[in-house]
Structure formats: structure tokens, C-alpha cells
C-alpha atoms as a PDB file:
ATOM      1  CA  UNK A   1      22.732 -27.867  10.515  1.00  0.00           C
ATOM      2  CA  UNK A   2      19.123 -27.054   9.620  1.00  0.00           C
ATOM      3  CA  UNK A   3      19.878 -23.350  10.056  1.00  0.00           C
ATOM      4  CA  UNK A   4      22.790 -23.636   7.628  1.00  0.00           C
ATOM      5  CA  UNK A   5      20.622 -25.423   5.044  1.00  0.00           C
ATOM      6  CA  UNK A   6      17.864 -22.815   5.339  1.00  0.00           C
ATOM      7  CA  UNK A   7      20.365 -19.973   5.048  1.00  0.00           C
ATOM      8  CA  UNK A   8      21.973 -21.594   2.011  1.00  0.00           C
ATOM      9  CA  UNK A   9      18.544 -22.010   0.375  1.00  0.00           C
ATOM     10  CA  UNK A  10      17.643 -18.367   1.021  1.00  0.00           C
ATOM     11  CA  UNK A  11      20.968 -17.144  -0.336  1.00  0.00           C
ATOM     12  CA  UNK A  12      20.566 -19.328  -3.428  1.00  0.00           C
ATOM     13  CA  UNK A  13      17.106 -17.842  -3.994  1.00  0.00           C
ATOM     14  CA  UNK A  14      18.456 -14.294  -3.615  1.00  0.00           C
ATOM     15  CA  UNK A  15      21.373 -14.959  -5.973  1.00  0.00           C
ATOM     16  CA  UNK A  16      18.942 -16.438  -8.517  1.00  0.00           C
ATOM     17  CA  UNK A  17      16.384 -13.624  -8.135  1.00  0.00           C
ATOM     18  CA  UNK A  18      18.979 -10.908  -8.653  1.00  0.00           C
ATOM     19  CA  UNK A  19      20.707 -12.849 -11.415  1.00  0.00           C
ATOM     20  CA  UNK A  20      24.154 -12.527  -9.916  1.00  0.00           C
ATOM     21  CA  UNK A  21      26.890 -15.110  -9.935  1.00  0.00           C
ATOM     22  CA  UNK A  22      28.349 -16.045  -6.557  1.00  0.00           C
ATOM     23  CA  UNK A  23      31.813 -15.114  -7.865  1.00  0.00           C
ATOM     24  CA  UNK A  24      30.715 -11.494  -8.376  1.00  0.00           C
ATOM     25  CA  UNK A  25      28.674 -11.277  -5.199  1.00  0.00           C
ATOM     26  CA  UNK A  26      29.748  -9.989  -1.820  1.00  0.00           C
ATOM     27  CA  UNK A  27      30.100 -12.600   0.946  1.00  0.00           C
ATOM     28  CA  UNK A  28      27.912 -12.086   3.991  1.00  0.00           C
ATOM     29  CA  UNK A  29      29.675 -13.619   6.956  1.00  0.00           C
ATOM     30  CA  UNK A  30      27.374 -12.117   9.580  1.00  0.00           C
ATOM     31  CA  UNK A  31      24.935 -15.044   9.437  1.00  0.00           C
ATOM     32  CA  UNK A  32      27.248 -18.040   9.410  1.00  0.00           C
ATOM     33  CA  UNK A  33      30.923 -18.574   8.867  1.00  0.00           C
ATOM     34  CA  UNK A  34      30.400 -22.185   7.774  1.00  0.00           C
ATOM     35  CA  UNK A  35      28.015 -21.651   4.857  1.00  0.00           C
ATOM     36  CA  UNK A  36      28.957 -19.484   1.875  1.00  0.00           C
ATOM     37  CA  UNK A  37      26.393 -16.699   1.521  1.00  0.00           C
ATOM     38  CA  UNK A  38      26.374 -14.246  -1.341  1.00  0.00           C
ATOM     39  CA  UNK A  39      24.478 -11.132  -2.297  1.00  0.00           C
ATOM     40  CA  UNK A  40      25.338  -8.292  -4.620  1.00  0.00           C
ATOM     41  CA  UNK A  41      24.471  -4.814  -3.324  1.00  0.00           C
ATOM     42  CA  UNK A  42      21.578  -3.263  -5.222  1.00  0.00           C
ATOM     43  CA  UNK A  43      22.300  -0.175  -7.283  1.00  0.00           C
ATOM     44  CA  UNK A  44      18.942   1.421  -8.099  1.00  0.00           C
ATOM     45  CA  UNK A  45      20.429   4.597  -9.629  1.00  0.00           C
ATOM     46  CA  UNK A  46      19.763   3.281 -13.146  1.00  0.00           C
ATOM     47  CA  UNK A  47      16.081   2.999 -12.248  1.00  0.00           C
ATOM     48  CA  UNK A  48      15.671   6.404 -10.613  1.00  0.00           C
ATOM     49  CA  UNK A  49      13.297   7.674 -13.305  1.00  0.00           C
ATOM     50  CA  UNK A  50      11.031   4.664 -12.797  1.00  0.00           C
ATOM     51  CA  UNK A  51      10.246   5.673  -9.228  1.00  0.00           C
ATOM     52  CA  UNK A  52       7.131   7.766  -8.647  1.00  0.00           C
ATOM     53  CA  UNK A  53       8.233  11.285  -7.916  1.00  0.00           C
ATOM     54  CA  UNK A  54       6.719  13.210  -5.077  1.00  0.00           C
ATOM     55  CA  UNK A  55       5.082  16.464  -6.105  1.00  0.00           C
ATOM     56  CA  UNK A  56       7.299  19.518  -5.964  1.00  0.00           C
ATOM     57  CA  UNK A  57       4.551  21.403  -4.142  1.00  0.00           C
ATOM     58  CA  UNK A  58       2.058  20.160  -1.555  1.00  0.00           C
ATOM     59  CA  UNK A  59      -1.311  18.883  -2.758  1.00  0.00           C
ATOM     60  CA  UNK A  60      -3.808  21.736  -2.415  1.00  0.00           C
ATOM     61  CA  UNK A  61      -6.999  19.675  -2.497  1.00  0.00           C
ATOM     62  CA  UNK A  62      -9.404  20.272   0.403  1.00  0.00           C
ATOM     63  CA  UNK A  63      -8.947  16.607   1.392  1.00  0.00           C
ATOM     64  CA  UNK A  64      -5.123  16.824   1.575  1.00  0.00           C
ATOM     65  CA  UNK A  65      -3.831  16.304   5.102  1.00  0.00           C
ATOM     66  CA  UNK A  66      -6.993  14.576   6.290  1.00  0.00           C
ATOM     67  CA  UNK A  67      -7.854  11.292   7.999  1.00  0.00           C
ATOM     68  CA  UNK A  68     -10.974   9.232   7.377  1.00  0.00           C
ATOM     69  CA  UNK A  69     -12.771   6.125   8.608  1.00  0.00           C
ATOM     70  CA  UNK A  70     -14.806   3.917   6.261  1.00  0.00           C
ATOM     71  CA  UNK A  71     -18.366   3.708   7.602  1.00  0.00           C
ATOM     72  CA  UNK A  72     -20.082   2.266   4.526  1.00  0.00           C
ATOM     73  CA  UNK A  73     -18.792   0.263   1.564  1.00  0.00           C
ATOM     74  CA  UNK A  74     -20.979  -0.508  -1.460  1.00  0.00           C
ATOM     75  CA  UNK A  75     -24.050   0.569   0.493  1.00  0.00           C
ATOM     76  CA  UNK A  76     -23.400  -1.728   3.465  1.00  0.00           C
ATOM     77  CA  UNK A  77     -22.226  -0.411   6.829  1.00  0.00           C
ATOM     78  CA  UNK A  78     -18.809  -1.575   7.987  1.00  0.00           C
ATOM     79  CA  UNK A  79     -18.993  -3.939  10.965  1.00  0.00           C
ATOM     80  CA  UNK A  80     -18.346  -2.245  14.306  1.00  0.00           C
ATOM     81  CA  UNK A  81     -15.448  -4.639  14.925  1.00  0.00           C
ATOM     82  CA  UNK A  82     -13.659  -3.602  11.711  1.00  0.00           C
ATOM     83  CA  UNK A  83     -12.385  -0.028  11.390  1.00  0.00           C
ATOM     84  CA  UNK A  84     -10.826   0.604   7.937  1.00  0.00           C
ATOM     85  CA  UNK A  85      -9.093   3.977   7.661  1.00  0.00           C
ATOM     86  CA  UNK A  86      -7.637   6.282   5.018  1.00  0.00           C
ATOM     87  CA  UNK A  87      -5.097   9.086   5.480  1.00  0.00           C
ATOM     88  CA  UNK A  88      -4.400  11.534   2.657  1.00  0.00           C
ATOM     89  CA  UNK A  89      -1.124  13.405   3.168  1.00  0.00           C
ATOM     90  CA  UNK A  90      -0.265  16.753   1.618  1.00  0.00           C
ATOM     91  CA  UNK A  91       2.579  15.085  -0.325  1.00  0.00           C
ATOM     92  CA  UNK A  92       0.124  12.927  -2.313  1.00  0.00           C
ATOM     93  CA  UNK A  93       0.624   9.795  -0.220  1.00  0.00           C
ATOM     94  CA  UNK A  94      -2.395   7.692   0.709  1.00  0.00           C
ATOM     95  CA  UNK A  95      -2.059   5.329   3.664  1.00  0.00           C
ATOM     96  CA  UNK A  96      -4.483   3.404   5.765  1.00  0.00           C
ATOM     97  CA  UNK A  97      -5.774   0.183   7.189  1.00  0.00           C
ATOM     98  CA  UNK A  98      -8.250  -2.175   5.527  1.00  0.00           C
ATOM     99  CA  UNK A  99      -9.336  -3.600   8.862  1.00  0.00           C
ATOM    100  CA  UNK A 100      -6.785  -6.392   8.463  1.00  0.00           C
ATOM    101  CA  UNK A 101      -3.813  -5.101   6.480  1.00  0.00           C
ATOM    102  CA  UNK A 102      -2.137  -1.738   6.111  1.00  0.00           C
ATOM    103  CA  UNK A 103      -1.613  -0.064   2.747  1.00  0.00           C
ATOM    104  CA  UNK A 104       0.275   2.782   1.189  1.00  0.00           C
ATOM    105  CA  UNK A 105       0.180   4.371  -2.240  1.00  0.00           C
ATOM    106  CA  UNK A 106      -0.431   7.602  -4.097  1.00  0.00           C
ATOM    107  CA  UNK A 107      -3.487   9.729  -4.726  1.00  0.00           C
ATOM    108  CA  UNK A 108      -4.269  12.523  -7.149  1.00  0.00           C
ATOM    109  CA  UNK A 109      -7.046  14.986  -6.452  1.00  0.00           C
ATOM    110  CA  UNK A 110      -8.154  17.861  -8.677  1.00  0.00           C
ATOM    111  CA  UNK A 111     -11.572  19.388  -8.221  1.00  0.00           C
ATOM    112  CA  UNK A 112     -14.022  16.497  -7.864  1.00  0.00           C
ATOM    113  CA  UNK A 113     -11.595  14.027  -9.474  1.00  0.00           C
ATOM    114  CA  UNK A 114      -9.848  11.564  -7.173  1.00  0.00           C
ATOM    115  CA  UNK A 115      -7.816   8.494  -8.017  1.00  0.00           C
ATOM    116  CA  UNK A 116      -5.472   6.124  -6.210  1.00  0.00           C
ATOM    117  CA  UNK A 117      -2.437   4.372  -7.663  1.00  0.00           C
ATOM    118  CA  UNK A 118       0.601   2.308  -6.701  1.00  0.00           C
ATOM    119  CA  UNK A 119      -1.266   0.774  -3.763  1.00  0.00           C
ATOM    120  CA  UNK A 120       0.696  -1.815  -1.810  1.00  0.00           C
ATOM    121  CA  UNK A 121      -0.698  -3.913   1.030  1.00  0.00           C
ATOM    122  CA  UNK A 122       0.701  -6.002   3.837  1.00  0.00           C
ATOM    123  CA  UNK A 123      -0.297  -9.661   3.476  1.00  0.00           C
ATOM    124  CA  UNK A 124      -1.755 -10.901   6.773  1.00  0.00           C
ATOM    125  CA  UNK A 125      -4.702 -13.262   6.859  1.00  0.00           C
ATOM    126  CA  UNK A 126      -7.662 -12.403   9.066  1.00  0.00           C
ATOM    127  CA  UNK A 127     -11.089 -13.835   9.829  1.00  0.00           C
ATOM    128  CA  UNK A 128     -13.226 -14.324   6.689  1.00  0.00           C
ATOM    129  CA  UNK A 129     -15.592 -11.455   7.541  1.00  0.00           C
ATOM    130  CA  UNK A 130     -12.635  -9.085   7.985  1.00  0.00           C
ATOM    131  CA  UNK A 131     -11.087 -10.254   4.709  1.00  0.00           C
ATOM    132  CA  UNK A 132     -14.415  -9.516   2.977  1.00  0.00           C
ATOM    133  CA  UNK A 133     -14.239  -5.922   4.245  1.00  0.00           C
ATOM    134  CA  UNK A 134     -10.621  -5.711   3.082  1.00  0.00           C
ATOM    135  CA  UNK A 135     -11.523  -6.835  -0.440  1.00  0.00           C
ATOM    136  CA  UNK A 136     -14.330  -4.261  -0.528  1.00  0.00           C
ATOM    137  CA  UNK A 137     -11.961  -1.473   0.605  1.00  0.00           C
ATOM    138  CA  UNK A 138      -9.387  -2.495  -2.015  1.00  0.00           C
ATOM    139  CA  UNK A 139     -12.038  -2.567  -4.743  1.00  0.00           C
ATOM    140  CA  UNK A 140     -13.409   0.834  -3.717  1.00  0.00           C
ATOM    141  CA  UNK A 141      -9.958   2.428  -3.800  1.00  0.00           C
ATOM    142  CA  UNK A 142      -9.087   0.894  -7.175  1.00  0.00           C
ATOM    143  CA  UNK A 143     -12.394   1.940  -8.772  1.00  0.00           C
ATOM    144  CA  UNK A 144     -12.526   5.494  -7.389  1.00  0.00           C
ATOM    145  CA  UNK A 145     -12.467   8.204 -10.037  1.00  0.00           C
ATOM    146  CA  UNK A 146     -14.341  11.006  -8.269  1.00  0.00           C
ATOM    147  CA  UNK A 147     -15.256  12.210  -4.828  1.00  0.00           C
ATOM    148  CA  UNK A 148     -18.111  14.010  -3.192  1.00  0.00           C
ATOM    149  CA  UNK A 149     -17.529  15.908   0.020  1.00  0.00           C
ATOM    150  CA  UNK A 150     -19.673  17.493   2.659  1.00  0.00           C
ATOM    151  CA  UNK A 151     -18.606  18.678   6.112  1.00  0.00           C
ATOM    152  CA  UNK A 152     -17.059  15.662   7.847  1.00  0.00           C
ATOM    153  CA  UNK A 153     -17.897  13.240   5.013  1.00  0.00           C
ATOM    154  CA  UNK A 154     -16.111  11.919   1.939  1.00  0.00           C
ATOM    155  CA  UNK A 155     -17.723   9.703  -0.688  1.00  0.00           C
ATOM    156  CA  UNK A 156     -15.547   7.673  -3.055  1.00  0.00           C
ATOM    157  CA  UNK A 157     -17.387   7.556  -6.387  1.00  0.00           C
ATOM    158  CA  UNK A 158     -16.904   5.350  -9.467  1.00  0.00           C
ATOM    159  CA  UNK A 159     -16.855   6.723 -13.008  1.00  0.00           C
ATOM    160  CA  UNK A 160     -20.483   5.605 -13.476  1.00  0.00           C
ATOM    161  CA  UNK A 161     -21.597   7.615 -10.424  1.00  0.00           C
ATOM    162  CA  UNK A 162     -21.878   4.668  -8.031  1.00  0.00           C
ATOM    163  CA  UNK A 163     -20.948   5.580  -4.468  1.00  0.00           C
ATOM    164  CA  UNK A 164     -18.300   2.998  -3.624  1.00  0.00           C
ATOM    165  CA  UNK A 165     -17.635   4.031  -0.035  1.00  0.00           C
ATOM    166  CA  UNK A 166     -18.661   6.624   2.504  1.00  0.00           C
ATOM    167  CA  UNK A 167     -16.091   7.856   4.992  1.00  0.00           C
ATOM    168  CA  UNK A 168     -16.300  10.141   8.003  1.00  0.00           C
ATOM    169  CA  UNK A 169     -13.570  12.506   9.144  1.00  0.00           C
ATOM    170  CA  UNK A 170     -11.348  11.417  12.011  1.00  0.00           C
ATOM    171  CA  UNK A 171     -10.375  14.296  14.246  1.00  0.00           C
END
């Protein structure tokens, strides 16, 4: 009975969120044959232009296709128990781990310019000290406008020249 109530509540929320009337929705009988469940299939074709397009050609920046570990954020070393990472793919995708949650998004790199956008994170809770590192990683990524590189090192730099984070190459 409780399962049926929970399923009905979830279906009601979905129907409301997608603004579809149960009469026009498709019944989902896989979950329960005793509770009416409705959802309308999503058609995202009308929104195709809103999606971020992947570059037609691979990113040619020297940092494309590289993996990094945050070793310092805002001048403070990252705790040894927390290992935030950043991967920069040749297709312009940035992925990584904040030490608690994983993220994915886009990056653009041209010369010394570097910026991140469309960052999305998982939403786990961790110990307070790990969450503090996560917030610092998120802030550094959002504020990055430039980079400085040297062999095996990458600095994320703000528009005012502040070094937001220092990363070392992961091989």
C-alpha cells in the first residue's frame, strides 16, 4: 500500500513538472498494475539548438587531453585525504572530482585564456572539511579566466591575476 502511495505521488509530481494531463500521457504499467501511472515521452527535438554543441574539431590547446590533481587552492595545500581532480578532454569536456562530488562541464582554451562553463555536480554530502575543499574547487573553476602552465603544472588564474588553484599533471 505504501509503495502504491509513493508511486502515485512520484507520478503526480512528474505529470505536474512536465505539464501533461493524465489523459494525454502514456500509462506505465511496469511499476504497478493497481495504481494509474502516467508520463508523456519527452521530445527534445524542439530544443536541439539549446544544447551545447561539441566542437567540430578537437581542441588544440596544449592542455587538451590531460589529467590534473589539485594540490593547492587559494594558496592553501589540499589535505592529503582529499584528492580533487580535473580532466580536460580533446572534445572540450571538463570532468573531475571535487574530493566529494563528481562534475562535468565544458571548457574553452585559447592561448593563455581558459574558462569553464555548464558545470554540473553530483550532490552527495561529505565531512565538513571535504565540503570546504569542494566549495573552493567550485569557486576556482567558476572564477578561472586564464591559465599559466609549466612542465607538469597548471595554474588556474582569475581575471585580476590571482592564482586560484595549482594543479599537477597526473600520468
